[in-house]
């Protein structure tokens, strides 16, 4: 069931998610391997580097002050994951800065 939902989410990716995946796929970011729409417990992470337990979430405005996102982040952190969240407009207008932030997080894990 999670795989079906993950597949559907991949097919319905936002422009920001497509841009992020373009930067992370095929080990393009300093050879780090990322998975897209990766199931973790009851949740599906937008992007995950499983080797370094890093989750990258790309969110639209509907996620502002979301209690569901807070519960999700708490769950992931309790499982040992570092969660980085970026707004869609940041990914689209400052892709390089977002990638630098992700890379910095990976090199300090």
PDB file of N, CA and C in Angstrom:
ATOM      1  N   UNK A   1       0.811  -1.199   0.000  1.00  0.00           N
ATOM      2  CA  UNK A   1       0.000   0.000   0.000  1.00  0.00           C
ATOM      3  C   UNK A   1       0.863   1.277   0.000  1.00  0.00           C
ATOM      4  N   UNK A   2       1.902   1.367   0.868  1.00  0.00           N
ATOM      5  CA  UNK A   2       2.735   2.573   0.819  1.00  0.00           C
ATOM      6  C   UNK A   2       3.416   2.758  -0.535  1.00  0.00           C
ATOM      7  N   UNK A   3       3.780   1.640  -1.181  1.00  0.00           N
ATOM      8  CA  UNK A   3       4.435   1.759  -2.483  1.00  0.00           C
ATOM      9  C   UNK A   3       3.501   2.340  -3.536  1.00  0.00           C
ATOM     10  N   UNK A   4       2.222   1.990  -3.463  1.00  0.00           N
ATOM     11  CA  UNK A   4       1.246   2.547  -4.408  1.00  0.00           C
ATOM     12  C   UNK A   4       1.090   4.049  -4.193  1.00  0.00           C
ATOM     13  N   UNK A   5       1.019   4.445  -2.929  1.00  0.00           N
ATOM     14  CA  UNK A   5       0.896   5.864  -2.624  1.00  0.00           C
ATOM     15  C   UNK A   5       2.160   6.612  -3.051  1.00  0.00           C
ATOM     16  N   UNK A   6       3.316   6.034  -2.797  1.00  0.00           N
ATOM     17  CA  UNK A   6       4.575   6.656  -3.197  1.00  0.00           C
ATOM     18  C   UNK A   6       4.639   6.820  -4.712  1.00  0.00           C
ATOM     19  N   UNK A   7       4.194   5.807  -5.432  1.00  0.00           N
ATOM     20  CA  UNK A   7       4.192   5.869  -6.896  1.00  0.00           C
ATOM     21  C   UNK A   7       3.287   6.998  -7.376  1.00  0.00           C
ATOM     22  N   UNK A   8       2.130   7.115  -6.752  1.00  0.00           N
ATOM     23  CA  UNK A   8       1.184   8.175  -7.123  1.00  0.00           C
ATOM     24  C   UNK A   8       1.776   9.557  -6.830  1.00  0.00           C
ATOM     25  N   UNK A   9       2.440   9.692  -5.687  1.00  0.00           N
ATOM     26  CA  UNK A   9       3.070  10.969  -5.341  1.00  0.00           C
ATOM     27  C   UNK A   9       4.184  11.323  -6.338  1.00  0.00           C
ATOM     28  N   UNK A  10       4.946  10.322  -6.781  1.00  0.00           N
ATOM     29  CA  UNK A  10       5.994  10.580  -7.779  1.00  0.00           C
ATOM     30  C   UNK A  10       5.390  11.088  -9.080  1.00  0.00           C
ATOM     31  N   UNK A  11       4.255  10.520  -9.460  1.00  0.00           N
ATOM     32  CA  UNK A  11       3.596  10.920 -10.705  1.00  0.00           C
ATOM     33  C   UNK A  11       2.987  12.314 -10.615  1.00  0.00           C
ATOM     34  N   UNK A  12       2.659  12.760  -9.405  1.00  0.00           N
ATOM     35  CA  UNK A  12       2.021  14.061  -9.212  1.00  0.00           C
ATOM     36  C   UNK A  12       2.976  15.087  -8.617  1.00  0.00           C
ATOM     37  N   UNK A  13       4.258  14.951  -8.862  1.00  0.00           N
ATOM     38  CA  UNK A  13       5.262  15.839  -8.279  1.00  0.00           C
ATOM     39  C   UNK A  13       5.032  17.293  -8.698  1.00  0.00           C
ATOM     40  N   UNK A  14       5.307  18.193  -7.762  1.00  0.00           N
ATOM     41  CA  UNK A  14       5.226  19.626  -8.055  1.00  0.00           C
ATOM     42  C   UNK A  14       6.469  20.049  -8.834  1.00  0.00           C
ATOM     43  N   UNK A  15       6.446  21.259  -9.376  1.00  0.00           N
ATOM     44  CA  UNK A  15       7.622  21.784 -10.078  1.00  0.00           C
ATOM     45  C   UNK A  15       8.829  21.809  -9.150  1.00  0.00           C
ATOM     46  N   UNK A  16       8.613  22.206  -7.910  1.00  0.00           N
ATOM     47  CA  UNK A  16       9.715  22.275  -6.948  1.00  0.00           C
ATOM     48  C   UNK A  16      10.269  20.884  -6.653  1.00  0.00           C
ATOM     49  N   UNK A  17       9.398  19.898  -6.513  1.00  0.00           N
ATOM     50  CA  UNK A  17       9.864  18.526  -6.275  1.00  0.00           C
ATOM     51  C   UNK A  17      10.633  17.992  -7.479  1.00  0.00           C
ATOM     52  N   UNK A  18      10.169  18.309  -8.676  1.00  0.00           N
ATOM     53  CA  UNK A  18      10.900  17.876  -9.882  1.00  0.00           C
ATOM     54  C   UNK A  18      12.278  18.540  -9.949  1.00  0.00           C
ATOM     55  N   UNK A  19      12.344  19.815  -9.607  1.00  0.00           N
ATOM     56  CA  UNK A  19      13.635  20.519  -9.609  1.00  0.00           C
ATOM     57  C   UNK A  19      14.578  19.886  -8.584  1.00  0.00           C
ATOM     58  N   UNK A  20      14.051  19.610  -7.390  1.00  0.00           N
ATOM     59  CA  UNK A  20      14.879  19.004  -6.338  1.00  0.00           C
ATOM     60  C   UNK A  20      15.355  17.625  -6.757  1.00  0.00           C
ATOM     61  N   UNK A  21      14.468  16.823  -7.329  1.00  0.00           N
ATOM     62  CA  UNK A  21      14.849  15.486  -7.755  1.00  0.00           C
ATOM     63  C   UNK A  21      15.910  15.542  -8.845  1.00  0.00           C
ATOM     64  N   UNK A  22      15.809  16.511  -9.710  1.00  0.00           N
ATOM     65  CA  UNK A  22      16.815  16.677 -10.756  1.00  0.00           C
ATOM     66  C   UNK A  22      18.201  16.910 -10.153  1.00  0.00           C
ATOM     67  N   UNK A  23      18.250  17.614  -9.033  1.00  0.00           N
ATOM     68  CA  UNK A  23      19.534  17.895  -8.377  1.00  0.00           C
ATOM     69  C   UNK A  23      20.044  16.718  -7.549  1.00  0.00           C
ATOM     70  N   UNK A  24      19.136  15.885  -7.041  1.00  0.00           N
ATOM     71  CA  UNK A  24      19.532  14.817  -6.117  1.00  0.00           C
ATOM     72  C   UNK A  24      19.671  13.443  -6.767  1.00  0.00           C
ATOM     73  N   UNK A  25      18.993  13.203  -7.867  1.00  0.00           N
ATOM     74  CA  UNK A  25      18.956  11.862  -8.459  1.00  0.00           C
ATOM     75  C   UNK A  25      20.304  11.427  -9.014  1.00  0.00           C
ATOM     76  N   UNK A  26      20.446  10.133  -9.181  1.00  0.00           N
ATOM     77  CA  UNK A  26      21.657   9.535  -9.787  1.00  0.00           C
ATOM     78  C   UNK A  26      22.949   9.968  -9.098  1.00  0.00           C
ATOM     79  N   UNK A  27      22.865  10.175  -7.778  1.00  0.00           N
ATOM     80  CA  UNK A  27      24.055  10.553  -6.989  1.00  0.00           C
ATOM     81  C   UNK A  27      24.700  11.856  -7.484  1.00  0.00           C
ATOM     82  N   UNK A  28      23.889  12.762  -8.011  1.00  0.00           N
ATOM     83  CA  UNK A  28      24.397  14.028  -8.544  1.00  0.00           C
ATOM     84  C   UNK A  28      24.935  14.956  -7.468  1.00  0.00           C
ATOM     85  N   UNK A  29      24.453  14.811  -6.241  1.00  0.00           N
ATOM     86  CA  UNK A  29      24.917  15.663  -5.160  1.00  0.00           C
ATOM     87  C   UNK A  29      26.061  14.968  -4.428  1.00  0.00           C
ATOM     88  N   UNK A  30      27.268  15.231  -4.875  1.00  0.00           N
ATOM     89  CA  UNK A  30      28.493  14.723  -4.240  1.00  0.00           C
ATOM     90  C   UNK A  30      28.439  13.214  -3.991  1.00  0.00           C
ATOM     91  N   UNK A  31      27.803  12.487  -4.903  1.00  0.00           N
ATOM     92  CA  UNK A  31      27.715  11.021  -4.863  1.00  0.00           C
ATOM     93  C   UNK A  31      26.810  10.471  -3.754  1.00  0.00           C
ATOM     94  N   UNK A  32      26.039  11.326  -3.067  1.00  0.00           N
ATOM     95  CA  UNK A  32      25.091  10.846  -2.063  1.00  0.00           C
ATOM     96  C   UNK A  32      23.871  10.251  -2.771  1.00  0.00           C
ATOM     97  N   UNK A  33      23.422   9.112  -2.287  1.00  0.00           N
ATOM     98  CA  UNK A  33      22.262   8.455  -2.893  1.00  0.00           C
ATOM     99  C   UNK A  33      20.983   8.889  -2.188  1.00  0.00           C
ATOM    100  N   UNK A  34      20.035   9.378  -2.971  1.00  0.00           N
ATOM    101  CA  UNK A  34      18.729   9.778  -2.456  1.00  0.00           C
ATOM    102  C   UNK A  34      17.654   8.914  -3.093  1.00  0.00           C
ATOM    103  N   UNK A  35      16.590   8.721  -2.323  1.00  0.00           N
ATOM    104  CA  UNK A  35      15.392   8.050  -2.815  1.00  0.00           C
ATOM    105  C   UNK A  35      14.264   9.063  -2.812  1.00  0.00           C
ATOM    106  N   UNK A  36      13.386   8.927  -3.751  1.00  0.00           N
ATOM    107  CA  UNK A  36      12.245   9.839  -3.884  1.00  0.00           C
ATOM    108  C   UNK A  36      10.986   9.141  -3.395  1.00  0.00           C
ATOM    109  N   UNK A  37      10.154   9.874  -2.627  1.00  0.00           N
ATOM    110  CA  UNK A  37       8.917   9.335  -2.072  1.00  0.00           C
ATOM    111  C   UNK A  37       9.196   8.001  -1.367  1.00  0.00           C
ATOM    112  N   UNK A  38      10.052   8.092  -0.357  1.00  0.00           N
ATOM    113  CA  UNK A  38      10.539   6.914   0.367  1.00  0.00           C
ATOM    114  C   UNK A  38       9.709   6.672   1.629  1.00  0.00           C
ATOM    115  N   UNK A  39       9.061   5.503   1.744  1.00  0.00           N
ATOM    116  CA  UNK A  39       8.267   5.197   2.945  1.00  0.00           C
ATOM    117  C   UNK A  39       9.157   5.026   4.181  1.00  0.00           C
ATOM    118  N   UNK A  40       8.764   5.686   5.273  1.00  0.00           N
ATOM    119  CA  UNK A  40       9.423   5.541   6.571  1.00  0.00           C
ATOM    120  C   UNK A  40       8.294   5.412   7.596  1.00  0.00           C
ATOM    121  N   UNK A  41       8.136   4.242   8.131  1.00  0.00           N
ATOM    122  CA  UNK A  41       7.012   4.014   9.052  1.00  0.00           C
ATOM    123  C   UNK A  41       5.712   4.322   8.336  1.00  0.00           C
ATOM    124  N   UNK A  42       4.820   5.072   8.992  1.00  0.00           N
ATOM    125  CA  UNK A  42       3.534   5.382   8.368  1.00  0.00           C
ATOM    126  C   UNK A  42       3.595   6.566   7.403  1.00  0.00           C
ATOM    127  N   UNK A  43       4.771   7.136   7.200  1.00  0.00           N
ATOM    128  CA  UNK A  43       4.919   8.348   6.390  1.00  0.00           C
ATOM    129  C   UNK A  43       5.698   8.067   5.111  1.00  0.00           C
ATOM    130  N   UNK A  44       5.596   9.010   4.183  1.00  0.00           N
ATOM    131  CA  UNK A  44       6.386   8.945   2.957  1.00  0.00           C
ATOM    132  C   UNK A  44       7.172  10.239   2.855  1.00  0.00           C
ATOM    133  N   UNK A  45       8.493  10.122   2.894  1.00  0.00           N
ATOM    134  CA  UNK A  45       9.369  11.287   2.809  1.00  0.00           C
ATOM    135  C   UNK A  45       9.512  11.698   1.346  1.00  0.00           C
ATOM    136  N   UNK A  46       9.529  13.000   1.088  1.00  0.00           N
ATOM    137  CA  UNK A  46       9.732  13.468  -0.286  1.00  0.00           C
ATOM    138  C   UNK A  46      11.044  12.920  -0.837  1.00  0.00           C
ATOM    139  N   UNK A  47      12.129  13.117  -0.067  1.00  0.00           N
ATOM    140  CA  UNK A  47      13.452  12.638  -0.474  1.00  0.00           C
ATOM    141  C   UNK A  47      14.170  12.136   0.768  1.00  0.00           C
ATOM    142  N   UNK A  48      14.901  11.039   0.624  1.00  0.00           N
ATOM    143  CA  UNK A  48      15.618  10.485   1.768  1.00  0.00           C
ATOM    144  C   UNK A  48      16.975   9.954   1.344  1.00  0.00           C
ATOM    145  N   UNK A  49      17.970  10.312   2.123  1.00  0.00           N
ATOM    146  CA  UNK A  49      19.297   9.714   1.991  1.00  0.00           C
ATOM    147  C   UNK A  49      19.391   8.729   3.151  1.00  0.00           C
ATOM    148  N   UNK A  50      19.113   7.459   2.870  1.00  0.00           N
ATOM    149  CA  UNK A  50      19.006   6.471   3.933  1.00  0.00           C
ATOM    150  C   UNK A  50      20.343   6.217   4.629  1.00  0.00           C
ATOM    151  N   UNK A  51      21.436   6.300   3.909  1.00  0.00           N
ATOM    152  CA  UNK A  51      22.751   6.048   4.495  1.00  0.00           C
ATOM    153  C   UNK A  51      23.055   7.031   5.623  1.00  0.00           C
ATOM    154  N   UNK A  52      22.596   8.275   5.483  1.00  0.00           N
ATOM    155  CA  UNK A  52      22.889   9.298   6.477  1.00  0.00           C
ATOM    156  C   UNK A  52      21.635   9.761   7.219  1.00  0.00           C
ATOM    157  N   UNK A  53      20.551   9.022   7.078  1.00  0.00           N
ATOM    158  CA  UNK A  53      19.296   9.303   7.792  1.00  0.00           C
ATOM    159  C   UNK A  53      18.897  10.770   7.672  1.00  0.00           C
ATOM    160  N   UNK A  54      18.838  11.240   6.428  1.00  0.00           N
ATOM    161  CA  UNK A  54      18.441  12.621   6.152  1.00  0.00           C
ATOM    162  C   UNK A  54      17.188  12.621   5.290  1.00  0.00           C
ATOM    163  N   UNK A  55      16.185  13.348   5.740  1.00  0.00           N
ATOM    164  CA  UNK A  55      14.944  13.522   4.986  1.00  0.00           C
ATOM    165  C   UNK A  55      14.878  14.960   4.518  1.00  0.00           C
ATOM    166  N   UNK A  56      14.531  15.150   3.249  1.00  0.00           N
ATOM    167  CA  UNK A  56      14.323  16.482   2.689  1.00  0.00           C
ATOM    168  C   UNK A  56      12.863  16.577   2.273  1.00  0.00           C
ATOM    169  N   UNK A  57      12.166  17.548   2.835  1.00  0.00           N
ATOM    170  CA  UNK A  57      10.767  17.789   2.510  1.00  0.00           C
ATOM    171  C   UNK A  57      10.667  19.101   1.733  1.00  0.00           C
ATOM    172  N   UNK A  58       9.895  19.080   0.665  1.00  0.00           N
ATOM    173  CA  UNK A  58       9.645  20.264  -0.156  1.00  0.00           C
ATOM    174  C   UNK A  58       8.157  20.546  -0.053  1.00  0.00           C
ATOM    175  N   UNK A  59       7.824  21.668   0.571  1.00  0.00           N
ATOM    176  CA  UNK A  59       6.436  21.944   0.924  1.00  0.00           C
ATOM    177  C   UNK A  59       5.897  23.215   0.298  1.00  0.00           C
ATOM    178  N   UNK A  60       4.609  23.190   0.023  1.00  0.00           N
ATOM    179  CA  UNK A  60       3.877  24.370  -0.418  1.00  0.00           C
ATOM    180  C   UNK A  60       3.266  25.088   0.767  1.00  0.00           C
ATOM    181  N   UNK A  61       2.622  26.189   0.503  1.00  0.00           N
ATOM    182  CA  UNK A  61       2.038  27.023   1.538  1.00  0.00           C
ATOM    183  C   UNK A  61       1.009  26.329   2.405  1.00  0.00           C
ATOM    184  N   UNK A  62       0.365  25.286   1.891  1.00  0.00           N
ATOM    185  CA  UNK A  62      -0.636  24.578   2.678  1.00  0.00           C
ATOM    186  C   UNK A  62      -0.024  23.894   3.898  1.00  0.00           C
ATOM    187  N   UNK A  63       1.305  23.791   3.935  1.00  0.00           N
ATOM    188  CA  UNK A  63       1.982  23.139   5.055  1.00  0.00           C
ATOM    189  C   UNK A  63       2.365  24.116   6.171  1.00  0.00           C
ATOM    190  N   UNK A  64       2.131  25.397   5.979  1.00  0.00           N
ATOM    191  CA  UNK A  64       2.488  26.389   7.005  1.00  0.00           C
ATOM    192  C   UNK A  64       1.732  26.074   8.291  1.00  0.00           C
ATOM    193  N   UNK A  65       2.469  26.000   9.372  1.00  0.00           N
ATOM    194  CA  UNK A  65       1.886  25.754  10.695  1.00  0.00           C
ATOM    195  C   UNK A  65       1.050  24.473  10.753  1.00  0.00           C
ATOM    196  N   UNK A  66       1.466  23.455  10.026  1.00  0.00           N
ATOM    197  CA  UNK A  66       0.731  22.191   9.983  1.00  0.00           C
ATOM    198  C   UNK A  66       1.075  21.333  11.196  1.00  0.00           C
ATOM    199  N   UNK A  67       0.060  20.991  11.986  1.00  0.00           N
ATOM    200  CA  UNK A  67       0.300  20.101  13.125  1.00  0.00           C
ATOM    201  C   UNK A  67       0.624  18.685  12.648  1.00  0.00           C
ATOM    202  N   UNK A  68       0.070  18.289  11.515  1.00  0.00           N
ATOM    203  CA  UNK A  68       0.387  16.966  10.959  1.00  0.00           C
ATOM    204  C   UNK A  68       1.871  16.888  10.600  1.00  0.00           C
ATOM    205  N   UNK A  69       2.408  17.965  10.012  1.00  0.00           N
ATOM    206  CA  UNK A  69       3.836  17.982   9.676  1.00  0.00           C
ATOM    207  C   UNK A  69       4.689  17.949  10.933  1.00  0.00           C
ATOM    208  N   UNK A  70       4.241  18.624  11.988  1.00  0.00           N
ATOM    209  CA  UNK A  70       4.978  18.608  13.255  1.00  0.00           C
ATOM    210  C   UNK A  70       5.024  17.192  13.840  1.00  0.00           C
ATOM    211  N   UNK A  71       3.904  16.491  13.804  1.00  0.00           N
ATOM    212  CA  UNK A  71       3.869  15.109  14.302  1.00  0.00           C
ATOM    213  C   UNK A  71       4.777  14.218  13.458  1.00  0.00           C
ATOM    214  N   UNK A  72       4.737  14.429  12.181  1.00  0.00           N
ATOM    215  CA  UNK A  72       5.561  13.638  11.259  1.00  0.00           C
ATOM    216  C   UNK A  72       7.044  13.866  11.520  1.00  0.00           C
ATOM    217  N   UNK A  73       7.421  15.141  11.670  1.00  0.00           N
ATOM    218  CA  UNK A  73       8.826  15.471  11.956  1.00  0.00           C
ATOM    219  C   UNK A  73       9.264  14.857  13.274  1.00  0.00           C
ATOM    220  N   UNK A  74       8.422  14.947  14.294  1.00  0.00           N
ATOM    221  CA  UNK A  74       8.744  14.357  15.596  1.00  0.00           C
ATOM    222  C   UNK A  74       8.946  12.856  15.468  1.00  0.00           C
ATOM    223  N   UNK A  75       8.063  12.179  14.750  1.00  0.00           N
ATOM    224  CA  UNK A  75       8.200  10.739  14.542  1.00  0.00           C
ATOM    225  C   UNK A  75       9.531  10.427  13.866  1.00  0.00           C
ATOM    226  N   UNK A  76       9.833  11.125  12.782  1.00  0.00           N
ATOM    227  CA  UNK A  76      11.066  10.864  12.032  1.00  0.00           C
ATOM    228  C   UNK A  76      12.297  11.122  12.891  1.00  0.00           C
ATOM    229  N   UNK A  77      12.283  12.201  13.651  1.00  0.00           N
ATOM    230  CA  UNK A  77      13.425  12.508  14.516  1.00  0.00           C
ATOM    231  C   UNK A  77      13.618  11.429  15.575  1.00  0.00           C
ATOM    232  N   UNK A  78      12.531  10.919  16.121  1.00  0.00           N
ATOM    233  CA  UNK A  78      12.636   9.843  17.117  1.00  0.00           C
ATOM    234  C   UNK A  78      13.202   8.566  16.505  1.00  0.00           C
ATOM    235  N   UNK A  79      13.055   8.415  15.205  1.00  0.00           N
ATOM    236  CA  UNK A  79      13.612   7.271  14.491  1.00  0.00           C
ATOM    237  C   UNK A  79      15.062   7.529  14.083  1.00  0.00           C
ATOM    238  N   UNK A  80      15.599   8.707  14.402  1.00  0.00           N
ATOM    239  CA  UNK A  80      16.993   9.026  14.108  1.00  0.00           C
ATOM    240  C   UNK A  80      17.227   9.823  12.836  1.00  0.00           C
ATOM    241  N   UNK A  81      16.161  10.273  12.200  1.00  0.00           N
ATOM    242  CA  UNK A  81      16.290  11.036  10.958  1.00  0.00           C
ATOM    243  C   UNK A  81      16.446  12.524  11.241  1.00  0.00           C
ATOM    244  N   UNK A  82      17.277  13.178  10.460  1.00  0.00           N
ATOM    245  CA  UNK A  82      17.337  14.638  10.439  1.00  0.00           C
ATOM    246  C   UNK A  82      16.386  15.080   9.338  1.00  0.00           C
ATOM    247  N   UNK A  83      15.502  16.020   9.642  1.00  0.00           N
ATOM    248  CA  UNK A  83      14.499  16.471   8.680  1.00  0.00           C
ATOM    249  C   UNK A  83      14.788  17.916   8.297  1.00  0.00           C
ATOM    250  N   UNK A  84      14.980  18.141   7.004  1.00  0.00           N
ATOM    251  CA  UNK A  84      15.139  19.495   6.465  1.00  0.00           C
ATOM    252  C   UNK A  84      13.898  19.816   5.653  1.00  0.00           C
ATOM    253  N   UNK A  85      13.303  20.986   5.919  1.00  0.00           N
ATOM    254  CA  UNK A  85      12.105  21.412   5.179  1.00  0.00           C
ATOM    255  C   UNK A  85      12.414  22.681   4.413  1.00  0.00           C
ATOM    256  N   UNK A  86      11.972  22.679   3.165  1.00  0.00           N
ATOM    257  CA  UNK A  86      12.145  23.849   2.301  1.00  0.00           C
ATOM    258  C   UNK A  86      10.812  24.176   1.654  1.00  0.00           C
ATOM    259  N   UNK A  87      10.551  25.461   1.497  1.00  0.00           N
ATOM    260  CA  UNK A  87       9.346  25.897   0.794  1.00  0.00           C
ATOM    261  C   UNK A  87       9.565  25.761  -0.707  1.00  0.00           C
ATOM    262  N   UNK A  88       8.496  25.494  -1.429  1.00  0.00           N
ATOM    263  CA  UNK A  88       8.559  25.391  -2.890  1.00  0.00           C
ATOM    264  C   UNK A  88       9.258  26.598  -3.509  1.00  0.00           C
ATOM    265  N   UNK A  89       8.870  27.813  -3.074  1.00  0.00           N
ATOM    266  CA  UNK A  89       9.453  29.008  -3.692  1.00  0.00           C
ATOM    267  C   UNK A  89      10.952  29.109  -3.426  1.00  0.00           C
ATOM    268  N   UNK A  90      11.433  28.603  -2.290  1.00  0.00           N
ATOM    269  CA  UNK A  90      12.880  28.600  -2.038  1.00  0.00           C
ATOM    270  C   UNK A  90      13.591  27.646  -2.990  1.00  0.00           C
ATOM    271  N   UNK A  91      13.004  26.487  -3.201  1.00  0.00           N
ATOM    272  CA  UNK A  91      13.617  25.509  -4.113  1.00  0.00           C
ATOM    273  C   UNK A  91      13.664  26.073  -5.532  1.00  0.00           C
ATOM    274  N   UNK A  92      12.609  26.733  -5.941  1.00  0.00           N
ATOM    275  CA  UNK A  92      12.545  27.257  -7.311  1.00  0.00           C
ATOM    276  C   UNK A  92      13.388  28.514  -7.507  1.00  0.00           C
ATOM    277  N   UNK A  93      13.473  29.370  -6.501  1.00  0.00           N
ATOM    278  CA  UNK A  93      14.190  30.639  -6.683  1.00  0.00           C
ATOM    279  C   UNK A  93      15.623  30.613  -6.155  1.00  0.00           C
ATOM    280  N   UNK A  94      15.952  29.644  -5.307  1.00  0.00           N
ATOM    281  CA  UNK A  94      17.294  29.577  -4.733  1.00  0.00           C
ATOM    282  C   UNK A  94      17.752  28.125  -4.643  1.00  0.00           C
ATOM    283  N   UNK A  95      17.677  27.423  -5.749  1.00  0.00           N
ATOM    284  CA  UNK A  95      18.032  26.004  -5.779  1.00  0.00           C
ATOM    285  C   UNK A  95      19.442  25.770  -5.257  1.00  0.00           C
ATOM    286  N   UNK A  96      20.372  26.600  -5.678  1.00  0.00           N
ATOM    287  CA  UNK A  96      21.767  26.436  -5.254  1.00  0.00           C
ATOM    288  C   UNK A  96      21.892  26.545  -3.732  1.00  0.00           C
ATOM    289  N   UNK A  97      21.237  27.509  -3.138  1.00  0.00           N
ATOM    290  CA  UNK A  97      21.288  27.680  -1.686  1.00  0.00           C
ATOM    291  C   UNK A  97      20.687  26.495  -0.950  1.00  0.00           C
ATOM    292  N   UNK A  98      19.588  25.972  -1.458  1.00  0.00           N
ATOM    293  CA  UNK A  98      18.946  24.801  -0.850  1.00  0.00           C
ATOM    294  C   UNK A  98      19.875  23.598  -0.929  1.00  0.00           C
ATOM    295  N   UNK A  99      20.475  23.389  -2.089  1.00  0.00           N
ATOM    296  CA  UNK A  99      21.403  22.266  -2.267  1.00  0.00           C
ATOM    297  C   UNK A  99      22.607  22.406  -1.341  1.00  0.00           C
ATOM    298  N   UNK A 100      23.115  23.614  -1.200  1.00  0.00           N
ATOM    299  CA  UNK A 100      24.243  23.852  -0.285  1.00  0.00           C
ATOM    300  C   UNK A 100      23.867  23.500   1.151  1.00  0.00           C
ATOM    301  N   UNK A 101      22.654  23.834   1.558  1.00  0.00           N
ATOM    302  CA  UNK A 101      22.182  23.513   2.907  1.00  0.00           C
ATOM    303  C   UNK A 101      22.103  22.010   3.104  1.00  0.00           C
ATOM    304  N   UNK A 102      21.594  21.307   2.106  1.00  0.00           N
ATOM    305  CA  UNK A 102      21.511  19.844   2.186  1.00  0.00           C
ATOM    306  C   UNK A 102      22.912  19.230   2.257  1.00  0.00           C
ATOM    307  N   UNK A 103      23.795  19.706   1.425  1.00  0.00           N
ATOM    308  CA  UNK A 103      25.166  19.187   1.412  1.00  0.00           C
ATOM    309  C   UNK A 103      25.856  19.425   2.746  1.00  0.00           C
ATOM    310  N   UNK A 104      25.666  20.603   3.317  1.00  0.00           N
ATOM    311  CA  UNK A 104      26.257  20.922   4.619  1.00  0.00           C
ATOM    312  C   UNK A 104      25.720  19.962   5.698  1.00  0.00           C
ATOM    313  N   UNK A 105      24.423  19.683   5.659  1.00  0.00           N
ATOM    314  CA  UNK A 105      23.831  18.757   6.622  1.00  0.00           C
ATOM    315  C   UNK A 105      24.411  17.350   6.456  1.00  0.00           C
ATOM    316  N   UNK A 106      24.600  16.919   5.231  1.00  0.00           N
ATOM    317  CA  UNK A 106      25.142  15.586   4.975  1.00  0.00           C
ATOM    318  C   UNK A 106      26.587  15.471   5.451  1.00  0.00           C
ATOM    319  N   UNK A 107      27.374  16.495   5.245  1.00  0.00           N
ATOM    320  CA  UNK A 107      28.790  16.417   5.610  1.00  0.00           C
ATOM    321  C   UNK A 107      29.003  16.521   7.119  1.00  0.00           C
ATOM    322  N   UNK A 108      27.976  16.941   7.848  1.00  0.00           N
ATOM    323  CA  UNK A 108      28.117  17.015   9.301  1.00  0.00           C
ATOM    324  C   UNK A 108      27.402  15.869  10.007  1.00  0.00           C
ATOM    325  N   UNK A 109      26.791  14.961   9.259  1.00  0.00           N
ATOM    326  CA  UNK A 109      26.087  13.822   9.874  1.00  0.00           C
ATOM    327  C   UNK A 109      27.073  12.751  10.267  1.00  0.00           C
TER     328      UNK A 109
END
